[in-house]
């Protein structure tokens, strides 16, 4: 399968939930004074369909992607890397 097609293919629910839950944890660690965190959490609280898996990942800058990679399982890392 090409990377382009894979990008739009959902991973297993286990991988998706690993990335989603850790992403929500990262967003929750920031100050929400201006509602930015609520907005990001709302955008991240999505279902495992289409490219939603990668949508969660690409919302982060490089610093936060690095933080995410330190938190998630090896299988989840591999699924992200296959799609990049």
PDB file of N, CA and C in Angstrom:
ATOM      1  N   UNK A   1       0.849  -1.172   0.000  1.00  0.00           N
ATOM      2  CA  UNK A   1       0.000   0.000   0.000  1.00  0.00           C
ATOM      3  C   UNK A   1       0.897   1.237   0.000  1.00  0.00           C
ATOM      4  N   UNK A   2       0.556   2.228  -0.820  1.00  0.00           N
ATOM      5  CA  UNK A   2       1.354   3.446  -0.885  1.00  0.00           C
ATOM      6  C   UNK A   2       1.183   4.262   0.398  1.00  0.00           C
ATOM      7  N   UNK A   3       2.191   5.104   0.696  1.00  0.00           N
ATOM      8  CA  UNK A   3       2.120   5.958   1.888  1.00  0.00           C
ATOM      9  C   UNK A   3       0.905   6.874   1.829  1.00  0.00           C
ATOM     10  N   UNK A   4       0.606   7.348   0.625  1.00  0.00           N
ATOM     11  CA  UNK A   4      -0.539   8.247   0.467  1.00  0.00           C
ATOM     12  C   UNK A   4      -1.835   7.555   0.881  1.00  0.00           C
ATOM     13  N   UNK A   5      -2.010   6.329   0.431  1.00  0.00           N
ATOM     14  CA  UNK A   5      -3.211   5.569   0.794  1.00  0.00           C
ATOM     15  C   UNK A   5      -3.204   5.204   2.280  1.00  0.00           C
ATOM     16  N   UNK A   6      -2.032   4.814   2.778  1.00  0.00           N
ATOM     17  CA  UNK A   6      -1.893   4.426   4.173  1.00  0.00           C
ATOM     18  C   UNK A   6      -2.228   5.590   5.102  1.00  0.00           C
ATOM     19  N   UNK A   7      -1.857   6.813   4.705  1.00  0.00           N
ATOM     20  CA  UNK A   7      -2.124   8.005   5.508  1.00  0.00           C
ATOM     21  C   UNK A   7      -3.612   8.110   5.859  1.00  0.00           C
ATOM     22  N   UNK A   8      -4.461   7.722   4.935  1.00  0.00           N
ATOM     23  CA  UNK A   8      -5.911   7.823   5.112  1.00  0.00           C
ATOM     24  C   UNK A   8      -6.540   6.532   5.655  1.00  0.00           C
ATOM     25  N   UNK A   9      -5.706   5.563   5.995  1.00  0.00           N
ATOM     26  CA  UNK A   9      -6.187   4.292   6.517  1.00  0.00           C
ATOM     27  C   UNK A   9      -6.050   4.274   8.035  1.00  0.00           C
ATOM     28  N   UNK A  10      -7.149   4.055   8.755  1.00  0.00           N
ATOM     29  CA  UNK A  10      -7.069   4.045  10.219  1.00  0.00           C
ATOM     30  C   UNK A  10      -6.241   2.870  10.739  1.00  0.00           C
ATOM     31  N   UNK A  11      -5.509   3.082  11.833  1.00  0.00           N
ATOM     32  CA  UNK A  11      -4.790   1.983  12.468  1.00  0.00           C
ATOM     33  C   UNK A  11      -5.756   1.163  13.323  1.00  0.00           C
ATOM     34  N   UNK A  12      -5.255   0.221  14.068  1.00  0.00           N
ATOM     35  CA  UNK A  12      -6.096  -0.520  15.009  1.00  0.00           C
ATOM     36  C   UNK A  12      -6.622   0.453  16.070  1.00  0.00           C
ATOM     37  N   UNK A  13      -7.715   0.085  16.706  1.00  0.00           N
ATOM     38  CA  UNK A  13      -8.260   0.932  17.769  1.00  0.00           C
ATOM     39  C   UNK A  13      -7.271   1.094  18.920  1.00  0.00           C
ATOM     40  N   UNK A  14      -6.512   0.052  19.201  1.00  0.00           N
ATOM     41  CA  UNK A  14      -5.528   0.122  20.284  1.00  0.00           C
ATOM     42  C   UNK A  14      -4.482   1.210  20.007  1.00  0.00           C
ATOM     43  N   UNK A  15      -3.961   1.237  18.796  1.00  0.00           N
ATOM     44  CA  UNK A  15      -2.966   2.244  18.410  1.00  0.00           C
ATOM     45  C   UNK A  15      -3.605   3.626  18.413  1.00  0.00           C
ATOM     46  N   UNK A  16      -4.777   3.732  17.823  1.00  0.00           N
ATOM     47  CA  UNK A  16      -5.465   5.025  17.772  1.00  0.00           C
ATOM     48  C   UNK A  16      -5.691   5.582  19.172  1.00  0.00           C
ATOM     49  N   UNK A  17      -6.204   4.738  20.061  1.00  0.00           N
ATOM     50  CA  UNK A  17      -6.493   5.206  21.424  1.00  0.00           C
ATOM     51  C   UNK A  17      -5.227   5.549  22.201  1.00  0.00           C
ATOM     52  N   UNK A  18      -4.149   4.840  21.944  1.00  0.00           N
ATOM     53  CA  UNK A  18      -2.868   5.164  22.570  1.00  0.00           C
ATOM     54  C   UNK A  18      -2.443   6.577  22.188  1.00  0.00           C
ATOM     55  N   UNK A  19      -2.486   6.880  20.909  1.00  0.00           N
ATOM     56  CA  UNK A  19      -2.081   8.207  20.429  1.00  0.00           C
ATOM     57  C   UNK A  19      -3.075   9.270  20.903  1.00  0.00           C
ATOM     58  N   UNK A  20      -4.344   8.996  20.769  1.00  0.00           N
ATOM     59  CA  UNK A  20      -5.375   9.955  21.164  1.00  0.00           C
ATOM     60  C   UNK A  20      -5.289  10.300  22.652  1.00  0.00           C
ATOM     61  N   UNK A  21      -5.220   9.294  23.497  1.00  0.00           N
ATOM     62  CA  UNK A  21      -5.198   9.534  24.947  1.00  0.00           C
ATOM     63  C   UNK A  21      -3.945  10.278  25.383  1.00  0.00           C
ATOM     64  N   UNK A  22      -2.816   9.946  24.791  1.00  0.00           N
ATOM     65  CA  UNK A  22      -1.585  10.658  25.138  1.00  0.00           C
ATOM     66  C   UNK A  22      -1.575  12.070  24.581  1.00  0.00           C
ATOM     67  N   UNK A  23      -2.171  12.264  23.418  1.00  0.00           N
ATOM     68  CA  UNK A  23      -2.295  13.617  22.872  1.00  0.00           C
ATOM     69  C   UNK A  23      -3.176  14.472  23.781  1.00  0.00           C
ATOM     70  N   UNK A  24      -4.278  13.909  24.235  1.00  0.00           N
ATOM     71  CA  UNK A  24      -5.150  14.647  25.155  1.00  0.00           C
ATOM     72  C   UNK A  24      -4.421  14.986  26.452  1.00  0.00           C
ATOM     73  N   UNK A  25      -3.571  14.104  26.895  1.00  0.00           N
ATOM     74  CA  UNK A  25      -2.773  14.349  28.095  1.00  0.00           C
ATOM     75  C   UNK A  25      -1.815  15.521  27.884  1.00  0.00           C
ATOM     76  N   UNK A  26      -1.189  15.559  26.728  1.00  0.00           N
ATOM     77  CA  UNK A  26      -0.275  16.672  26.428  1.00  0.00           C
ATOM     78  C   UNK A  26      -1.044  17.981  26.380  1.00  0.00           C
ATOM     79  N   UNK A  27      -2.167  18.005  25.669  1.00  0.00           N
ATOM     80  CA  UNK A  27      -2.957  19.244  25.599  1.00  0.00           C
ATOM     81  C   UNK A  27      -3.400  19.671  26.985  1.00  0.00           C
ATOM     82  N   UNK A  28      -3.743  18.715  27.839  1.00  0.00           N
ATOM     83  CA  UNK A  28      -4.200  19.029  29.186  1.00  0.00           C
ATOM     84  C   UNK A  28      -3.119  19.604  30.083  1.00  0.00           C
ATOM     85  N   UNK A  29      -1.870  19.495  29.668  1.00  0.00           N
ATOM     86  CA  UNK A  29      -0.770  20.014  30.481  1.00  0.00           C
ATOM     87  C   UNK A  29      -0.512  21.499  30.246  1.00  0.00           C
ATOM     88  N   UNK A  30      -1.224  22.095  29.303  1.00  0.00           N
ATOM     89  CA  UNK A  30      -1.017  23.511  28.976  1.00  0.00           C
ATOM     90  C   UNK A  30      -2.075  24.410  29.601  1.00  0.00           C
ATOM     91  N   UNK A  31      -1.728  25.665  29.743  1.00  0.00           N
ATOM     92  CA  UNK A  31      -2.626  26.685  30.288  1.00  0.00           C
ATOM     93  C   UNK A  31      -3.797  26.918  29.325  1.00  0.00           C
ATOM     94  N   UNK A  32      -4.997  26.956  29.858  1.00  0.00           N
ATOM     95  CA  UNK A  32      -6.194  27.115  29.035  1.00  0.00           C
ATOM     96  C   UNK A  32      -6.835  28.493  29.198  1.00  0.00           C
ATOM     97  N   UNK A  33      -6.059  29.471  29.582  1.00  0.00           N
ATOM     98  CA  UNK A  33      -6.588  30.808  29.837  1.00  0.00           C
ATOM     99  C   UNK A  33      -7.450  31.327  28.689  1.00  0.00           C
ATOM    100  N   UNK A  34      -7.025  31.105  27.482  1.00  0.00           N
ATOM    101  CA  UNK A  34      -7.743  31.656  26.329  1.00  0.00           C
ATOM    102  C   UNK A  34      -8.565  30.609  25.570  1.00  0.00           C
ATOM    103  N   UNK A  35      -8.759  29.438  26.163  1.00  0.00           N
ATOM    104  CA  UNK A  35      -9.594  28.411  25.550  1.00  0.00           C
ATOM    105  C   UNK A  35      -8.907  27.584  24.486  1.00  0.00           C
ATOM    106  N   UNK A  36      -7.617  27.839  24.263  1.00  0.00           N
ATOM    107  CA  UNK A  36      -6.875  27.124  23.223  1.00  0.00           C
ATOM    108  C   UNK A  36      -6.839  25.623  23.496  1.00  0.00           C
ATOM    109  N   UNK A  37      -6.614  25.247  24.740  1.00  0.00           N
ATOM    110  CA  UNK A  37      -6.543  23.828  25.110  1.00  0.00           C
ATOM    111  C   UNK A  37      -7.886  23.151  24.885  1.00  0.00           C
ATOM    112  N   UNK A  38      -8.967  23.792  25.291  1.00  0.00           N
ATOM    113  CA  UNK A  38     -10.296  23.221  25.062  1.00  0.00           C
ATOM    114  C   UNK A  38     -10.533  22.973  23.581  1.00  0.00           C
ATOM    115  N   UNK A  39     -10.110  23.916  22.754  1.00  0.00           N
ATOM    116  CA  UNK A  39     -10.287  23.785  21.308  1.00  0.00           C
ATOM    117  C   UNK A  39      -9.493  22.587  20.779  1.00  0.00           C
ATOM    118  N   UNK A  40      -8.252  22.450  21.207  1.00  0.00           N
ATOM    119  CA  UNK A  40      -7.416  21.340  20.747  1.00  0.00           C
ATOM    120  C   UNK A  40      -7.951  19.997  21.256  1.00  0.00           C
ATOM    121  N   UNK A  41      -8.409  19.964  22.508  1.00  0.00           N
ATOM    122  CA  UNK A  41      -8.977  18.723  23.043  1.00  0.00           C
ATOM    123  C   UNK A  41     -10.231  18.324  22.273  1.00  0.00           C
ATOM    124  N   UNK A  42     -11.043  19.302  21.937  1.00  0.00           N
ATOM    125  CA  UNK A  42     -12.261  19.027  21.170  1.00  0.00           C
ATOM    126  C   UNK A  42     -11.920  18.460  19.797  1.00  0.00           C
ATOM    127  N   UNK A  43     -10.898  19.022  19.161  1.00  0.00           N
ATOM    128  CA  UNK A  43     -10.472  18.540  17.846  1.00  0.00           C
ATOM    129  C   UNK A  43      -9.847  17.154  17.922  1.00  0.00           C
ATOM    130  N   UNK A  44      -9.295  16.811  19.074  1.00  0.00           N
ATOM    131  CA  UNK A  44      -8.616  15.533  19.253  1.00  0.00           C
ATOM    132  C   UNK A  44      -9.581  14.433  19.676  1.00  0.00           C
ATOM    133  N   UNK A  45     -10.679  14.786  20.245  1.00  0.00           N
ATOM    134  CA  UNK A  45     -11.660  13.804  20.725  1.00  0.00           C
ATOM    135  C   UNK A  45     -12.530  13.338  19.558  1.00  0.00           C
ATOM    136  N   UNK A  46     -11.922  12.546  18.665  1.00  0.00           N
ATOM    137  CA  UNK A  46     -12.559  12.104  17.424  1.00  0.00           C
ATOM    138  C   UNK A  46     -12.503  10.582  17.318  1.00  0.00           C
ATOM    139  N   UNK A  47     -13.204  10.058  16.346  1.00  0.00           N
ATOM    140  CA  UNK A  47     -13.286   8.610  16.121  1.00  0.00           C
ATOM    141  C   UNK A  47     -12.143   8.127  15.221  1.00  0.00           C
ATOM    142  N   UNK A  48     -11.916   6.839  15.239  1.00  0.00           N
ATOM    143  CA  UNK A  48     -10.865   6.213  14.443  1.00  0.00           C
ATOM    144  C   UNK A  48     -11.365   5.906  13.035  1.00  0.00           C
ATOM    145  N   UNK A  49     -11.469   6.934  12.225  1.00  0.00           N
ATOM    146  CA  UNK A  49     -11.882   6.781  10.825  1.00  0.00           C
ATOM    147  C   UNK A  49     -10.973   7.633   9.940  1.00  0.00           C
ATOM    148  N   UNK A  50     -10.838   7.209   8.691  1.00  0.00           N
ATOM    149  CA  UNK A  50     -10.067   7.983   7.721  1.00  0.00           C
ATOM    150  C   UNK A  50      -8.701   8.383   8.238  1.00  0.00           C
ATOM    151  N   UNK A  51      -8.359   9.659   8.036  1.00  0.00           N
ATOM    152  CA  UNK A  51      -7.044  10.145   8.441  1.00  0.00           C
ATOM    153  C   UNK A  51      -7.042  10.803   9.826  1.00  0.00           C
ATOM    154  N   UNK A  52      -8.068  10.533  10.631  1.00  0.00           N
ATOM    155  CA  UNK A  52      -8.130  11.142  11.965  1.00  0.00           C
ATOM    156  C   UNK A  52      -6.908  10.826  12.824  1.00  0.00           C
ATOM    157  N   UNK A  53      -6.345   9.635  12.646  1.00  0.00           N
ATOM    158  CA  UNK A  53      -5.145   9.234  13.381  1.00  0.00           C
ATOM    159  C   UNK A  53      -4.021  10.236  13.133  1.00  0.00           C
ATOM    160  N   UNK A  54      -3.756  10.524  11.890  1.00  0.00           N
ATOM    161  CA  UNK A  54      -2.681  11.450  11.554  1.00  0.00           C
ATOM    162  C   UNK A  54      -3.072  12.898  11.833  1.00  0.00           C
ATOM    163  N   UNK A  55      -4.348  13.207  11.754  1.00  0.00           N
ATOM    164  CA  UNK A  55      -4.812  14.553  12.098  1.00  0.00           C
ATOM    165  C   UNK A  55      -4.419  14.899  13.530  1.00  0.00           C
ATOM    166  N   UNK A  56      -4.532  13.931  14.430  1.00  0.00           N
ATOM    167  CA  UNK A  56      -4.150  14.144  15.828  1.00  0.00           C
ATOM    168  C   UNK A  56      -2.659  14.459  15.911  1.00  0.00           C
ATOM    169  N   UNK A  57      -1.853  13.710  15.189  1.00  0.00           N
ATOM    170  CA  UNK A  57      -0.397  13.861  15.242  1.00  0.00           C
ATOM    171  C   UNK A  57       0.048  15.197  14.656  1.00  0.00           C
ATOM    172  N   UNK A  58      -0.487  15.564  13.508  1.00  0.00           N
ATOM    173  CA  UNK A  58       0.013  16.758  12.823  1.00  0.00           C
ATOM    174  C   UNK A  58      -0.448  18.065  13.461  1.00  0.00           C
ATOM    175  N   UNK A  59      -1.318  18.009  14.450  1.00  0.00           N
ATOM    176  CA  UNK A  59      -1.677  19.226  15.183  1.00  0.00           C
ATOM    177  C   UNK A  59      -0.504  19.724  16.038  1.00  0.00           C
ATOM    178  N   UNK A  60       0.436  18.824  16.344  1.00  0.00           N
ATOM    179  CA  UNK A  60       1.548  19.159  17.218  1.00  0.00           C
ATOM    180  C   UNK A  60       2.733  19.746  16.454  1.00  0.00           C
ATOM    181  N   UNK A  61       3.435  20.676  17.118  1.00  0.00           N
ATOM    182  CA  UNK A  61       4.715  21.141  16.595  1.00  0.00           C
ATOM    183  C   UNK A  61       5.755  20.060  16.880  1.00  0.00           C
ATOM    184  N   UNK A  62       6.980  20.263  16.420  1.00  0.00           N
ATOM    185  CA  UNK A  62       8.002  19.231  16.575  1.00  0.00           C
ATOM    186  C   UNK A  62       8.303  18.916  18.031  1.00  0.00           C
ATOM    187  N   UNK A  63       8.316  19.917  18.887  1.00  0.00           N
ATOM    188  CA  UNK A  63       8.580  19.703  20.313  1.00  0.00           C
ATOM    189  C   UNK A  63       7.529  18.763  20.916  1.00  0.00           C
ATOM    190  N   UNK A  64       6.261  19.021  20.640  1.00  0.00           N
ATOM    191  CA  UNK A  64       5.188  18.202  21.198  1.00  0.00           C
ATOM    192  C   UNK A  64       5.080  16.843  20.518  1.00  0.00           C
ATOM    193  N   UNK A  65       5.471  16.747  19.258  1.00  0.00           N
ATOM    194  CA  UNK A  65       5.520  15.423  18.612  1.00  0.00           C
ATOM    195  C   UNK A  65       6.574  14.562  19.298  1.00  0.00           C
ATOM    196  N   UNK A  66       7.687  15.180  19.631  1.00  0.00           N
ATOM    197  CA  UNK A  66       8.743  14.463  20.343  1.00  0.00           C
ATOM    198  C   UNK A  66       8.240  13.985  21.703  1.00  0.00           C
ATOM    199  N   UNK A  67       7.506  14.846  22.380  1.00  0.00           N
ATOM    200  CA  UNK A  67       6.924  14.490  23.671  1.00  0.00           C
ATOM    201  C   UNK A  67       5.940  13.329  23.500  1.00  0.00           C
ATOM    202  N   UNK A  68       5.116  13.391  22.465  1.00  0.00           N
ATOM    203  CA  UNK A  68       4.155  12.323  22.188  1.00  0.00           C
ATOM    204  C   UNK A  68       4.870  11.002  21.943  1.00  0.00           C
ATOM    205  N   UNK A  69       5.953  11.039  21.150  1.00  0.00           N
ATOM    206  CA  UNK A  69       6.683   9.818  20.825  1.00  0.00           C
ATOM    207  C   UNK A  69       7.286   9.170  22.065  1.00  0.00           C
ATOM    208  N   UNK A  70       7.622   9.957  23.057  1.00  0.00           N
ATOM    209  CA  UNK A  70       8.167   9.405  24.298  1.00  0.00           C
ATOM    210  C   UNK A  70       7.081   8.737  25.142  1.00  0.00           C
ATOM    211  N   UNK A  71       5.831   9.080  24.892  1.00  0.00           N
ATOM    212  CA  UNK A  71       4.717   8.583  25.699  1.00  0.00           C
ATOM    213  C   UNK A  71       4.026   7.358  25.115  1.00  0.00           C
ATOM    214  N   UNK A  72       4.032   7.224  23.799  1.00  0.00           N
ATOM    215  CA  UNK A  72       3.242   6.176  23.151  1.00  0.00           C
ATOM    216  C   UNK A  72       4.031   4.876  23.003  1.00  0.00           C
ATOM    217  N   UNK A  73       3.292   3.808  22.728  1.00  0.00           N
ATOM    218  CA  UNK A  73       3.888   2.483  22.551  1.00  0.00           C
ATOM    219  C   UNK A  73       4.675   2.407  21.240  1.00  0.00           C
ATOM    220  N   UNK A  74       5.569   1.450  21.181  1.00  0.00           N
ATOM    221  CA  UNK A  74       6.406   1.258  19.993  1.00  0.00           C
ATOM    222  C   UNK A  74       5.556   1.008  18.745  1.00  0.00           C
ATOM    223  N   UNK A  75       4.520   0.213  18.875  1.00  0.00           N
ATOM    224  CA  UNK A  75       3.643  -0.070  17.730  1.00  0.00           C
ATOM    225  C   UNK A  75       3.008   1.220  17.197  1.00  0.00           C
ATOM    226  N   UNK A  76       2.616   2.091  18.091  1.00  0.00           N
ATOM    227  CA  UNK A  76       2.007   3.361  17.691  1.00  0.00           C
ATOM    228  C   UNK A  76       3.018   4.234  16.953  1.00  0.00           C
ATOM    229  N   UNK A  77       4.243   4.270  17.455  1.00  0.00           N
ATOM    230  CA  UNK A  77       5.315   5.024  16.785  1.00  0.00           C
ATOM    231  C   UNK A  77       5.505   4.514  15.363  1.00  0.00           C
ATOM    232  N   UNK A  78       5.566   3.189  15.233  1.00  0.00           N
ATOM    233  CA  UNK A  78       5.768   2.591  13.909  1.00  0.00           C
ATOM    234  C   UNK A  78       4.641   2.933  12.943  1.00  0.00           C
ATOM    235  N   UNK A  79       3.409   2.940  13.452  1.00  0.00           N
ATOM    236  CA  UNK A  79       2.269   3.270  12.584  1.00  0.00           C
ATOM    237  C   UNK A  79       2.330   4.722  12.117  1.00  0.00           C
ATOM    238  N   UNK A  80       2.786   5.604  12.977  1.00  0.00           N
ATOM    239  CA  UNK A  80       2.951   7.016  12.577  1.00  0.00           C
ATOM    240  C   UNK A  80       4.061   7.131  11.533  1.00  0.00           C
ATOM    241  N   UNK A  81       5.196   6.536  11.817  1.00  0.00           N
ATOM    242  CA  UNK A  81       6.342   6.636  10.912  1.00  0.00           C
ATOM    243  C   UNK A  81       6.045   6.056   9.542  1.00  0.00           C
ATOM    244  N   UNK A  82       5.269   4.999   9.473  1.00  0.00           N
ATOM    245  CA  UNK A  82       4.896   4.412   8.182  1.00  0.00           C
ATOM    246  C   UNK A  82       4.086   5.398   7.347  1.00  0.00           C
ATOM    247  N   UNK A  83       3.368   6.296   8.022  1.00  0.00           N
ATOM    248  CA  UNK A  83       2.479   7.222   7.324  1.00  0.00           C
ATOM    249  C   UNK A  83       3.144   8.556   6.971  1.00  0.00           C
ATOM    250  N   UNK A  84       4.293   8.831   7.542  1.00  0.00           N
ATOM    251  CA  UNK A  84       4.959  10.110   7.269  1.00  0.00           C
ATOM    252  C   UNK A  84       5.786  10.073   6.014  1.00  0.00           C
TER     253      UNK A  84
END
